[in-house]
Protein backbone atom coordinates (compact mmCIF):
# COMPACT_ATOMS: atom_id res chain seq x y z
CA MET A 1 3.33 -9.52 -20.15
CA ALA A 2 3.10 -13.31 -19.61
CA GLY A 3 0.36 -14.29 -21.93
CA ALA A 4 -3.17 -12.72 -22.88
CA LYS A 5 -5.39 -11.35 -20.07
CA PRO A 6 -8.05 -13.71 -18.91
CA LYS A 7 -11.82 -12.34 -18.77
CA PRO A 8 -13.91 -11.64 -15.77
CA GLU A 9 -16.22 -14.46 -16.94
CA LYS A 10 -13.53 -16.93 -16.55
CA LEU A 11 -12.00 -15.78 -13.00
CA SER A 12 -15.53 -15.16 -11.25
CA SER A 13 -15.82 -19.05 -11.49
CA VAL A 14 -13.56 -20.20 -8.98
CA ASP A 15 -13.40 -23.94 -7.57
CA TYR A 16 -13.51 -23.76 -4.19
CA HIS A 17 -12.84 -28.37 -3.96
CA PRO A 18 -9.35 -28.95 -2.02
CA PRO A 19 -7.48 -31.53 -4.41
CA SER A 20 -7.47 -34.73 -3.48
CA GLN A 21 -3.97 -35.55 -2.57
CA SER A 22 -2.34 -33.41 0.33
CA TRP A 23 -1.14 -30.14 0.26
CA MET A 24 2.69 -31.85 0.18
CA ASP A 25 2.20 -33.98 -2.96
CA VAL A 26 0.60 -30.94 -4.90
CA PRO A 27 3.79 -29.41 -6.80
CA PRO A 28 3.78 -25.50 -7.44
CA ASN A 29 2.52 -24.30 -10.68
CA VAL A 30 4.40 -21.57 -12.45
CA ARG A 31 2.12 -20.34 -14.87
CA PRO A 32 1.76 -17.43 -16.75
CA GLY A 33 -0.18 -14.45 -14.97
CA THR A 34 0.73 -15.86 -11.42
CA PHE A 35 4.34 -14.97 -10.58
CA ASN A 36 6.43 -11.89 -11.04
CA TRP A 37 9.64 -11.64 -13.13
CA ALA A 38 12.97 -12.01 -11.09
CA ALA A 39 15.43 -9.10 -10.10
CA ASN A 40 17.38 -7.43 -12.68
CA PRO A 41 20.83 -8.55 -11.93
CA ALA A 42 22.12 -5.13 -12.42
CA ASN A 43 19.69 -3.63 -9.61
CA ALA A 44 20.23 -6.10 -7.47
CA ALA A 45 24.23 -5.70 -7.60
CA TYR A 46 23.60 -1.90 -7.02
CA LEU A 47 22.10 -2.76 -3.62
CA ASP A 48 24.76 -5.31 -2.91
CA LEU A 49 22.29 -8.29 -2.80
CA PRO A 50 23.81 -12.12 -2.24
CA HIS A 51 24.04 -14.68 -5.02
CA VAL A 52 23.02 -12.29 -8.01
CA ARG A 53 22.50 -14.24 -11.19
CA LYS A 54 20.30 -14.28 -14.32
CA TRP A 55 17.59 -16.58 -13.66
CA GLN A 56 13.56 -16.58 -14.21
CA PRO A 57 10.77 -18.29 -12.31
CA THR A 58 9.75 -20.23 -15.68
CA ASP A 59 13.45 -21.72 -15.78
CA GLU A 60 13.81 -25.37 -14.65
CA ASP A 61 17.23 -24.72 -13.10
CA TRP A 62 16.78 -21.77 -10.80
CA LYS A 63 20.59 -21.78 -10.23
CA LEU A 64 21.08 -21.76 -6.62
CA PRO A 65 23.97 -21.47 -4.58
CA ASP A 66 25.75 -24.69 -4.17
CA ASN A 67 25.21 -24.20 -0.35
CA TRP A 68 22.11 -22.64 -0.83
CA GLN A 69 19.91 -24.78 2.08
CA GLN A 70 22.65 -24.30 4.62
CA ILE A 71 22.02 -20.33 4.06
CA VAL A 72 18.22 -21.12 4.45
CA LEU A 73 18.47 -23.09 7.26
CA GLU A 74 20.90 -20.83 9.45
CA GLY A 75 18.96 -17.95 8.13
CA LEU A 76 15.95 -19.56 9.59
CA ALA A 77 17.73 -20.36 12.89
CA ASP A 78 18.94 -16.69 13.40
CA ARG A 79 15.61 -15.30 12.82
CA LEU A 80 14.01 -17.35 15.15
CA GLN A 81 16.51 -16.22 17.73
CA LYS A 82 16.46 -12.91 16.97
CA TYR A 83 12.13 -12.39 16.42
CA ARG A 84 10.55 -14.02 19.63
CA SER A 85 6.99 -13.39 17.57
CA LEU A 86 8.06 -15.73 14.30
CA LYS A 87 9.35 -18.33 16.91
CA LEU A 88 5.85 -18.00 18.90
CA PHE A 89 3.91 -17.99 15.16
CA MET A 90 5.74 -21.25 14.39
CA ASP A 91 4.67 -23.41 17.49
CA ILE A 92 1.13 -22.03 18.42
CA CYS A 93 -0.94 -22.17 15.63
CA VAL A 94 -3.67 -24.83 15.95
CA ARG A 95 -4.98 -25.19 12.45
CA CYS A 96 -8.37 -23.86 13.71
CA GLY A 97 -9.20 -22.38 10.28
CA ALA A 98 -10.28 -19.31 11.28
CA CYS A 99 -8.02 -17.34 8.69
CA ALA A 100 -8.79 -19.67 5.76
CA ASP A 101 -11.52 -17.74 4.26
CA LYS A 102 -10.36 -14.66 5.30
CA CYS A 103 -7.65 -14.13 2.61
CA HIS A 104 -8.51 -12.58 -1.02
CA PHE A 105 -6.47 -14.60 -2.59
CA PHE A 106 -7.95 -17.73 -1.39
CA LEU A 107 -11.29 -16.42 -2.10
CA GLY A 108 -10.59 -15.29 -5.77
CA SER A 109 -8.66 -18.43 -6.18
CA GLY A 110 -9.87 -20.95 -4.44
CA ASP A 111 -6.31 -22.24 -4.24
CA PRO A 112 -5.99 -23.83 -0.71
CA LYS A 113 -2.35 -23.03 -0.42
CA ASN A 114 -3.37 -19.28 -0.34
CA MET A 115 -5.27 -19.63 3.16
CA PRO A 116 -3.22 -18.14 5.42
CA VAL A 117 -2.63 -21.40 7.60
CA LEU A 118 -1.45 -23.24 4.63
CA ARG A 119 0.70 -20.36 3.52
CA ALA A 120 2.16 -20.35 6.95
CA GLU A 121 2.77 -24.01 6.95
CA LEU A 122 4.65 -23.95 3.75
CA LEU A 123 7.57 -22.42 6.08
CA ARG A 124 6.42 -24.27 9.32
CA SER A 125 6.61 -27.72 7.75
CA VAL A 126 10.68 -26.84 7.33
CA TYR A 127 10.50 -25.07 10.68
CA ARG A 128 9.51 -28.61 12.34
CA ARG A 129 11.45 -30.99 10.15
CA ASP A 130 14.42 -29.07 11.07
CA PHE A 131 14.10 -27.72 14.43
CA THR A 132 11.50 -29.29 16.45
CA THR A 133 12.06 -33.11 17.87
CA ALA A 134 8.56 -34.50 16.53
CA GLY A 135 9.19 -33.38 13.47
CA LYS A 136 12.67 -34.97 13.39
CA ILE A 137 11.57 -38.13 14.67
CA LEU A 138 8.28 -38.26 13.27
CA GLY A 139 8.56 -36.30 9.55
CA LYS A 140 5.31 -36.29 7.60
CA LEU A 141 3.57 -37.57 10.43
CA ALA A 142 4.36 -34.30 12.17
CA GLY A 143 3.35 -32.03 9.40
CA ALA A 144 7.57 -31.64 8.44
CA ARG A 145 9.52 -32.01 5.33
CA PRO A 146 12.69 -31.49 3.85
CA LEU A 147 13.84 -28.51 2.67
CA THR A 148 13.89 -29.22 -1.30
CA PRO A 149 14.04 -27.22 -4.35
CA GLN A 150 10.61 -27.72 -5.39
CA VAL A 151 9.88 -26.20 -1.50
CA ILE A 152 11.84 -23.25 -2.39
CA LYS A 153 9.72 -22.78 -5.79
CA GLU A 154 6.61 -22.96 -3.73
CA TRP A 155 7.79 -20.45 -1.39
CA PHE A 156 8.27 -17.88 -4.17
CA LEU A 157 5.17 -18.70 -5.68
CA TYR A 158 2.97 -18.45 -2.67
CA PHE A 159 5.23 -15.57 -0.38
CA TYR A 160 4.56 -13.24 -3.37
CA GLN A 161 0.89 -14.23 -3.78
CA CYS A 162 0.43 -12.32 -0.35
CA THR A 163 0.28 -9.08 -0.57
CA GLU A 164 0.87 -8.62 3.56
CA CYS A 165 -2.37 -7.13 4.25
CA ARG A 166 -3.01 -8.45 7.82
CA ARG A 167 -6.66 -9.23 7.19
CA CYS A 168 -6.20 -12.53 8.17
CA SER A 169 -4.50 -11.65 11.65
CA VAL A 170 -7.65 -9.74 12.54
CA PHE A 171 -9.70 -13.06 13.00
CA CYS A 172 -6.82 -15.44 14.28
CA PRO A 173 -7.78 -16.10 17.85
CA TYR A 174 -4.08 -16.49 18.80
CA GLY A 175 -3.27 -13.12 17.02
CA ILE A 176 -0.72 -14.91 14.17
CA ASP A 177 0.37 -12.33 11.96
CA THR A 178 0.83 -14.11 8.42
CA ALA A 179 2.30 -10.85 7.01
CA GLU A 180 5.50 -11.20 9.45
CA ILE A 181 5.64 -15.12 8.46
CA THR A 182 5.45 -13.95 4.64
CA MET A 183 8.34 -11.11 5.43
CA MET A 184 10.30 -13.63 6.95
CA GLY A 185 9.81 -16.33 3.68
CA ARG A 186 10.91 -13.31 1.51
CA GLU A 187 14.14 -12.54 3.20
CA LEU A 188 15.25 -16.00 3.47
CA LEU A 189 14.59 -16.39 -0.46
CA ASN A 190 16.45 -12.97 -0.94
CA SER A 191 19.39 -14.62 0.70
CA ILE A 192 19.81 -17.04 -1.83
CA GLY A 193 19.10 -14.62 -4.66
CA LEU A 194 15.45 -15.14 -5.20
CA GLY A 195 13.86 -11.48 -5.52
CA ILE A 196 11.44 -10.15 -7.81
CA ASP A 197 12.20 -7.10 -10.14
CA TRP A 198 9.11 -5.17 -8.92
CA ILE A 199 10.82 -4.64 -5.44
CA THR A 200 14.22 -4.68 -6.26
CA THR A 201 14.29 -2.01 -8.95
CA PRO A 202 12.18 0.64 -7.13
CA ALA A 203 14.72 -0.20 -4.21
CA ALA A 204 17.39 0.56 -5.83
CA ASN A 205 16.15 3.45 -7.49
CA CYS A 206 15.04 5.26 -4.47
CA PHE A 207 18.89 5.06 -3.16
CA ARG A 208 20.00 6.64 -7.17
CA THR A 209 17.54 9.16 -7.53
CA GLY A 210 15.41 9.51 -4.01
CA ASN A 211 12.40 7.99 -5.12
CA HIS A 212 10.99 4.44 -6.30
CA LEU A 213 10.41 5.95 -10.05
CA GLY A 214 14.11 6.91 -10.65
CA ILE A 215 13.13 10.50 -11.01
CA GLN A 216 16.06 12.43 -11.02
CA PRO A 217 16.12 15.68 -8.86
CA HIS A 218 15.78 18.37 -11.88
CA GLY A 219 13.00 15.99 -13.07
CA PHE A 220 11.44 16.29 -9.86
CA LYS A 221 11.62 20.08 -9.39
CA ASP A 222 10.24 20.05 -12.95
CA SER A 223 7.28 17.97 -11.67
CA LEU A 224 6.13 20.31 -8.96
CA ASP A 225 6.78 23.19 -11.06
CA PHE A 226 4.43 21.76 -13.89
CA ALA A 227 1.74 21.13 -10.86
CA VAL A 228 2.03 24.71 -9.66
CA ASP A 229 1.49 26.31 -13.01
CA GLU A 230 -1.68 23.86 -13.57
CA LEU A 231 -3.14 24.69 -10.39
CA ALA A 232 -2.80 28.46 -11.25
CA GLU A 233 -4.29 27.60 -14.35
CA ILE A 234 -7.43 25.56 -12.68
CA THR A 235 -7.55 28.12 -9.58
CA GLY A 236 -6.33 31.78 -10.65
CA VAL A 237 -4.16 31.25 -7.72
CA ARG A 238 -0.35 31.00 -7.69
CA VAL A 239 0.93 28.63 -4.89
CA GLU A 240 4.80 27.69 -4.21
CA ALA A 241 6.24 24.29 -3.59
CA PRO A 242 9.50 24.88 -1.82
CA ILE A 243 12.24 22.32 -2.29
CA ASN A 244 15.01 21.49 0.02
CA ARG A 245 14.32 24.75 2.19
CA LYS A 246 16.33 24.91 5.27
CA GLY A 247 14.93 26.08 8.41
CA ALA A 248 11.04 25.23 7.07
CA GLU A 249 9.09 24.24 10.10
CA ILE A 250 7.40 20.95 8.30
CA LEU A 251 9.26 18.65 6.05
CA PHE A 252 6.21 17.00 3.76
CA VAL A 253 7.08 13.49 2.66
CA SER A 254 4.67 11.67 -0.13
CA PRO A 255 4.82 8.69 -2.24
CA SER A 256 6.79 9.47 -5.90
CA ALA A 257 3.46 8.39 -7.59
CA ASP A 258 1.84 11.82 -6.20
CA TYR A 259 4.20 13.85 -8.76
CA PHE A 260 4.15 11.57 -11.53
CA ALA A 261 1.47 9.43 -11.89
CA SER A 262 -2.18 9.44 -12.49
CA PRO A 263 -4.73 9.52 -10.36
CA HIS A 264 -2.23 10.21 -7.75
CA TYR A 265 -1.44 13.65 -9.72
CA TYR A 266 -4.81 15.17 -8.62
CA THR A 267 -4.24 14.43 -5.04
CA LEU A 268 -0.52 16.35 -5.56
CA LEU A 269 -2.50 19.24 -6.45
CA GLY A 270 -4.98 18.93 -3.55
CA TYR A 271 -2.08 19.35 -1.24
CA LEU A 272 -0.64 22.05 -2.85
CA ALA A 273 -3.66 24.07 -2.96
CA LEU A 274 -4.34 23.23 0.91
CA PHE A 275 -0.78 24.22 1.90
CA HIS A 276 -1.04 27.70 0.18
CA GLU A 277 -4.69 28.18 1.65
CA ILE A 278 -3.72 27.65 5.44
CA GLY A 279 -0.03 29.83 4.68
CA LEU A 280 1.92 26.36 5.83
CA ASP A 281 5.52 26.62 6.49
CA TYR A 282 6.99 23.51 4.82
CA THR A 283 9.17 22.20 2.35
CA TRP A 284 9.73 18.95 0.29
CA SER A 285 12.79 17.17 -0.19
CA ALA A 286 14.85 15.85 -3.40
CA TYR A 287 17.07 13.48 -1.11
CA ALA A 288 13.68 12.16 0.63
CA SER A 289 11.27 12.37 -2.29
CA GLU A 290 9.50 8.96 -1.81
CA GLY A 291 7.52 8.07 1.20
CA GLY A 292 6.99 4.60 0.16
CA ASN A 293 9.07 1.97 1.37
CA PHE A 294 9.56 -1.21 -0.72
CA GLY A 295 11.92 -2.32 1.52
CA LEU A 296 9.04 -3.36 3.62
CA PHE A 297 8.55 -6.16 0.74
CA HIS A 298 12.26 -7.08 0.72
CA SER A 299 13.69 -7.51 4.54
CA SER A 300 13.99 -5.16 7.71
CA ASP A 301 17.46 -4.15 6.91
CA MET A 302 16.39 -2.76 3.46
CA MET A 303 13.37 -1.24 4.89
CA LYS A 304 15.40 0.31 7.61
CA ARG A 305 18.46 1.77 5.19
CA LEU A 306 15.27 3.66 3.00
CA ASN A 307 13.22 5.09 5.88
CA ALA A 308 16.13 5.90 7.45
CA LYS A 309 16.24 9.24 4.57
CA ILE A 310 13.43 10.69 6.12
CA TYR A 311 15.04 11.45 9.60
CA ALA A 312 18.37 12.14 7.80
CA GLU A 313 16.84 14.93 5.54
CA ALA A 314 14.88 16.42 8.57
CA ARG A 315 18.02 16.83 10.36
CA ARG A 316 19.46 18.65 7.58
CA LEU A 317 16.91 20.97 6.85
CA GLY A 318 16.09 21.78 10.49
CA VAL A 319 12.56 21.52 10.74
CA LYS A 320 10.43 20.76 13.48
CA TRP A 321 8.56 17.68 12.41
CA ILE A 322 7.31 15.78 9.50
CA LEU A 323 4.00 15.60 7.63
CA GLY A 324 3.26 12.37 5.40
CA GLY A 325 0.71 12.20 2.73
CA GLU A 326 -1.38 9.81 1.43
CA CYS A 327 0.47 6.05 1.33
CA GLY A 328 -0.23 2.80 2.49
CA HIS A 329 3.03 0.84 3.26
CA MET A 330 5.02 4.29 3.92
CA TRP A 331 2.64 4.57 6.87
CA ARG A 332 3.16 1.18 8.38
CA VAL A 333 6.73 1.55 8.13
CA LEU A 334 6.58 4.83 9.80
CA HIS A 335 3.97 3.81 12.81
CA GLN A 336 5.28 0.56 13.42
CA TYR A 337 8.75 0.52 12.61
CA MET A 338 10.51 3.83 12.07
CA ASP A 339 11.32 4.71 15.89
CA THR A 340 12.54 1.48 16.96
CA MET A 341 14.65 1.36 13.55
CA ASN A 342 16.03 4.95 13.33
CA GLY A 343 14.99 6.73 16.24
CA PRO A 344 14.96 8.08 18.84
CA ALA A 345 14.10 11.80 17.08
CA ASP A 346 15.18 13.85 19.50
CA PHE A 347 16.61 16.55 17.04
CA LEU A 348 12.70 16.88 15.94
CA GLU A 349 9.85 18.34 18.33
CA GLU A 350 6.48 16.87 19.17
CA PRO A 351 4.29 17.98 16.24
CA VAL A 352 2.09 21.05 16.98
CA SER A 353 0.00 22.17 14.29
CA PRO A 354 1.17 26.00 13.62
CA ILE A 355 -2.60 26.63 12.37
CA THR A 356 -4.67 25.13 15.34
CA GLY A 357 -2.29 24.96 18.02
CA THR A 358 -3.36 21.12 18.34
CA LYS A 359 -0.77 19.01 19.53
CA PHE A 360 -0.58 15.70 18.05
CA ASP A 361 0.83 14.00 20.76
CA HIS A 362 0.03 10.61 19.55
CA ALA A 363 3.07 11.14 17.25
CA ARG A 364 5.49 12.21 19.93
CA ALA A 365 7.65 9.27 18.89
CA THR A 366 8.26 9.41 15.53
CA LYS A 367 7.30 13.22 15.34
CA MET A 368 5.34 12.43 12.13
CA VAL A 369 1.82 13.26 11.36
CA HIS A 370 -0.60 11.88 8.85
CA ILE A 371 -2.00 14.28 6.58
CA CYS A 372 -5.77 13.03 7.24
CA GLU A 373 -4.93 13.77 10.84
CA PHE A 374 -3.43 17.18 9.85
CA THR A 375 -6.61 17.93 7.56
CA SER A 376 -9.47 17.06 9.83
CA ASP A 377 -7.91 18.85 12.71
CA LEU A 378 -8.01 21.77 10.60
CA ILE A 379 -11.73 21.14 9.36
CA ALA A 380 -12.87 20.33 12.92
CA ASN A 381 -11.37 24.06 13.73
CA GLY A 382 -13.33 25.57 11.32
CA LYS A 383 -10.07 26.57 9.34
CA LEU A 384 -11.25 25.65 5.98
CA LYS A 385 -14.03 26.90 3.74
CA LEU A 386 -15.29 23.94 1.99
CA GLU A 387 -18.30 24.06 -0.72
CA LYS A 388 -19.46 20.23 -1.03
CA SER A 389 -21.45 20.65 -3.86
CA ARG A 390 -17.93 21.17 -5.72
CA ASN A 391 -17.88 17.21 -5.85
CA ASP A 392 -21.75 16.88 -6.57
CA ASN A 393 -20.71 15.14 -10.03
CA VAL A 394 -19.43 12.07 -7.93
CA ARG A 395 -20.95 9.71 -5.63
CA VAL A 396 -18.10 8.40 -3.45
CA THR A 397 -17.01 5.34 -1.16
CA PHE A 398 -14.22 4.89 0.61
CA HIS A 399 -11.54 1.98 0.63
CA ASP A 400 -9.61 1.51 3.87
CA SER A 401 -6.24 1.06 2.47
CA CYS A 402 -4.70 -2.02 4.22
CA ASN A 403 -1.85 -0.45 6.06
CA PRO A 404 -3.34 2.59 7.42
CA ALA A 405 -6.13 0.93 8.59
CA ARG A 406 -4.95 -2.41 10.27
CA ALA A 407 -1.34 -1.14 11.13
CA MET A 408 -2.57 2.74 12.38
CA GLY A 409 -6.20 2.34 13.08
CA LEU A 410 -6.90 5.42 10.55
CA LEU A 411 -10.42 4.67 9.90
CA ASP A 412 -12.45 7.88 10.96
CA GLU A 413 -10.15 10.75 9.62
CA PRO A 414 -10.01 10.01 6.28
CA ARG A 415 -14.02 9.66 6.42
CA TYR A 416 -14.37 12.89 8.31
CA CYS A 417 -12.66 14.86 5.60
CA ILE A 418 -14.65 13.09 2.93
CA ASP A 419 -17.86 14.05 4.31
CA HIS A 420 -17.04 17.06 4.47
CA ALA A 421 -15.98 17.80 1.01
CA CYS A 422 -18.82 15.55 -0.61
CA ASN A 423 -22.71 15.29 -0.24
CA HIS A 424 -22.73 12.06 -1.56
CA PHE A 425 -21.16 9.74 0.41
CA PHE A 426 -21.93 5.94 0.51
CA GLU A 427 -20.09 2.90 2.75
CA MET A 428 -19.55 -0.28 1.09
CA PRO A 429 -20.70 -3.24 3.45
CA GLU A 430 -19.67 -3.72 6.99
CA ASN A 431 -17.59 -6.77 6.88
CA THR A 432 -15.55 -5.22 3.79
CA ILE A 433 -14.15 -2.00 5.58
CA ARG A 434 -12.55 -0.45 8.32
CA GLU A 435 -10.33 -3.29 10.15
CA GLN A 436 -12.11 -5.97 7.86
CA THR A 437 -11.64 -4.05 4.62
CA PHE A 438 -10.53 -6.31 1.72
CA CYS A 439 -7.01 -5.50 0.00
CA CYS A 440 -6.42 -3.96 -3.57
CA GLY A 441 -4.96 -7.30 -4.52
CA SER A 442 -1.67 -5.74 -5.63
CA GLY A 443 0.19 -4.55 -2.53
CA SER A 444 3.71 -5.35 -1.42
CA GLY A 445 5.18 -5.26 -4.57
CA ILE A 446 2.98 -7.58 -6.92
CA GLY A 447 1.03 -5.12 -8.98
CA THR A 448 3.19 -6.50 -11.79
CA ASP A 449 1.95 -6.92 -15.36
CA GLU A 450 2.81 -10.48 -15.77
CA ASN A 451 1.10 -11.00 -12.66
CA PHE A 452 -2.18 -9.72 -13.75
CA GLU A 453 -4.67 -12.92 -13.36
CA MET A 454 -3.55 -12.96 -9.84
CA ARG A 455 -4.05 -9.56 -9.31
CA MET A 456 -7.28 -9.75 -10.54
CA ARG A 457 -8.24 -12.82 -8.24
CA GLY A 458 -7.00 -11.26 -5.22
CA GLY A 459 -8.78 -8.00 -5.82
CA PHE A 460 -12.13 -9.75 -6.64
CA PRO A 461 -13.60 -9.50 -2.59
CA ARG A 462 -12.71 -5.71 -3.08
CA ALA A 463 -14.28 -5.13 -6.33
CA ASN A 464 -17.42 -7.03 -5.49
CA ALA A 465 -18.11 -4.47 -2.69
CA VAL A 466 -17.63 -1.83 -4.86
CA LYS A 467 -19.94 -3.34 -7.62
CA TYR A 468 -22.64 -3.76 -4.41
CA VAL A 469 -22.35 0.39 -4.02
CA HIS A 470 -22.15 0.98 -7.58
CA GLU A 471 -25.24 -0.66 -8.37
CA ILE A 472 -27.16 0.03 -5.07
CA HIS A 473 -26.36 3.87 -5.05
CA GLY A 474 -24.65 4.79 -8.16
CA VAL A 475 -20.97 5.28 -6.45
CA ASN A 476 -18.65 6.25 -9.51
CA MET A 477 -15.97 7.13 -7.45
CA LEU A 478 -13.24 5.22 -5.07
CA ALA A 479 -11.69 7.19 -2.64
CA CYS A 480 -8.39 6.09 -0.67
CA ILE A 481 -5.31 7.16 0.76
CA CYS A 482 -2.93 4.81 -0.99
CA ALA A 483 -0.26 5.15 -3.65
CA ILE A 484 -0.19 1.39 -4.46
CA ASP A 485 -4.06 1.62 -4.44
CA LYS A 486 -4.44 4.55 -6.85
CA ALA A 487 -2.08 2.44 -9.14
CA THR A 488 -3.69 -1.06 -9.03
CA LEU A 489 -7.69 -0.20 -8.35
CA PRO A 490 -8.44 1.52 -11.37
CA PRO A 491 -7.58 -1.70 -13.74
CA LEU A 492 -8.99 -3.69 -11.17
CA LEU A 493 -12.04 -1.95 -11.67
CA GLU A 494 -12.14 -1.62 -15.14
CA PHE A 495 -11.79 -4.87 -15.25
CA TRP A 496 -14.83 -6.21 -12.69
CA VAL A 497 -16.94 -2.77 -12.22
CA PRO A 498 -16.60 -0.61 -15.37
CA GLY A 499 -17.80 2.93 -14.57
CA VAL A 500 -16.08 3.38 -11.30
CA GLU A 501 -12.81 5.62 -10.88
CA VAL A 502 -10.42 6.32 -8.27
CA CYS A 503 -9.17 9.27 -6.47
CA GLY A 504 -7.16 10.47 -3.44
CA VAL A 505 -9.13 12.02 -0.34
CA HIS A 506 -7.06 15.49 -0.86
CA GLU A 507 -8.06 15.54 -4.22
CA LEU A 508 -11.96 15.66 -3.07
CA ILE A 509 -10.80 18.09 -0.26
CA GLY A 510 -8.75 20.46 -3.22
CA ASN A 511 -11.84 20.32 -5.15
CA ALA A 512 -14.11 21.38 -2.20
CA LEU A 513 -11.36 24.28 -0.92
CA VAL A 514 -12.49 27.36 -1.50
CA MET A 515 -9.58 29.47 -1.83
CA LYS A 516 -9.10 33.12 -1.45
CA GLY A 517 -8.65 35.33 -4.94
CA GLU A 518 -9.46 32.05 -6.82
CA HIS A 519 -11.31 32.16 -10.49
CA ARG A 520 -12.42 28.49 -10.77
CA VAL A 521 -14.83 26.86 -13.20
CA SER A 522 -13.19 23.42 -13.07
CA ASP A 523 -11.96 20.61 -10.69
CA LEU A 524 -8.69 19.51 -10.37
CA ARG A 525 -9.00 17.06 -13.35
CA GLY A 526 -10.21 20.23 -15.67
CA GLU A 527 -13.60 18.87 -15.99
CA PRO A 528 -16.23 21.39 -15.19
CA LEU A 529 -17.35 22.34 -11.42
CA PRO A 530 -20.93 21.55 -10.76
CA GLY A 531 -22.96 24.32 -10.38
CA GLN A 532 -20.71 26.43 -12.15
CA ALA A 533 -20.72 28.25 -15.31
CA GLY A 534 -19.41 25.68 -18.09
CA ALA A 535 -20.91 22.54 -16.43
CA ASP A 536 -22.51 20.17 -18.79
CA GLY A 537 -25.40 19.14 -16.75
CA GLU A 538 -24.07 15.67 -15.86
CA GLY A 539 -23.24 16.58 -12.21
CA ALA A 540 -25.43 18.20 -9.78
CA ALA A 541 -28.36 18.55 -11.52
CA ASP A 542 -28.33 14.63 -12.32
CA GLN A 543 -27.75 13.52 -8.64
CA PRO A 544 -30.48 12.71 -6.02
CA ALA A 545 -30.14 15.36 -2.98
CA GLU A 546 -28.44 12.34 -0.45
CA LYS A 547 -26.49 14.66 2.05
CA GLU A 548 -26.01 11.72 4.66
CA VAL A 549 -23.36 8.90 4.79
CA SER A 550 -25.41 6.06 3.84
CA LYS A 551 -24.48 2.96 6.49
CA ASP A 552 -27.56 0.91 5.04
CA VAL A 553 -25.62 -1.94 3.33
């Protein structure tokens, strides 16, 4: 941890006045609380990454390779040739500023270099200097500048202060995706050995043991066995959690946090209860025991290598199709890149629900269906018995996780699930949800303790919207469908909005689900079920009788 944690009173006072000098003349300020530690050399070497060495952002000398400028410029030239979108994004920005106030990091910090337009200029200025005639002749007058060690430090600081959430792209009249520029910037940084540990180590763990957390196969099995036992204690129903079962109809893949971390674990209990109740023929995998893909935050090559494990395991186990759990970046990779990177998955079948017969024809390419799509289809076809009052102890709002919302358009299915599992559901203000949702502030591998101040600053707009419904409607639970959100929103809300907890959508489903043969007096967290014997009176009895989704904010 780098220094003492700041207080909300300090971070809520944001100075939006720009500095008096040109942005090019403002040096990067690598100070505690605003950066991430460098990659562990042992894990970088394990991944065969280039130019592995010991260094830290706080060092004066970052020990760059002798020919680092050549590596970066040749890498940029290669990517301009390879990705037409990058060339387009470098040339077409007119600096209209439509994106300027749309980034959560700018809103929380007031730093102009966190405006998407200016963050992109950090790379675009080098592009102009070395790849455009105007930049070569006019230099700074054309917005061009040479590639220097200070520029590299600036890239490192600001490309790791972007969560690749893509909110800015929603508002860009030219459709520029600044997240793609950040991804290219990070690739170039990694080409000279400038990666961060919270991306490199999880990626290495995933290759070693199958998941980001480094849980070995026997630990993975122990975790699922423990969950099965605990669910039996809660419900009186013993379920199965098959692993590596060849010939199962469906391979289920979820983020590793679901079987290791809290509050993710309660979502896992919800999955297990649901799959048992509908008699799903499925299996987990110890090899593909991670749906999340930290390669997305490192490079396209790393993303492809990690993603390939899912199809490889589906082929080995002989399943028909794949079902994916609640995760954010996992689904961006699956939805936007998987088919072109590692497809076509001709060995799989077009997904069809074995319970309802619904054909998920939108997934005919990837052969993979989101759990919220699957569950909402079950609900729509009357296949689940849900008792909404079992969630009457919570007043829920929903955080649209950036990647499912903006990369997939998965907006209505989670709301449909929540609406059928809860009586008290309230939307946050319109300009903070659905496609315009605000990021948690800690995605894309920067949810570290050493980066705490920037995380709290970046999450300020999201927390502010939660605070609104907390104060107006008494909301005490924030539901989401992303593993990173479930890890980073609790400390964010504790910092900005104490009294609001975080859950997954399938925790709410698991609570409301009436299982055949069950004997339940508690919810999946072990708290008394509202209205059941043993409830302490702080649940349903204390709540107003709203049963409609409130959209009046």
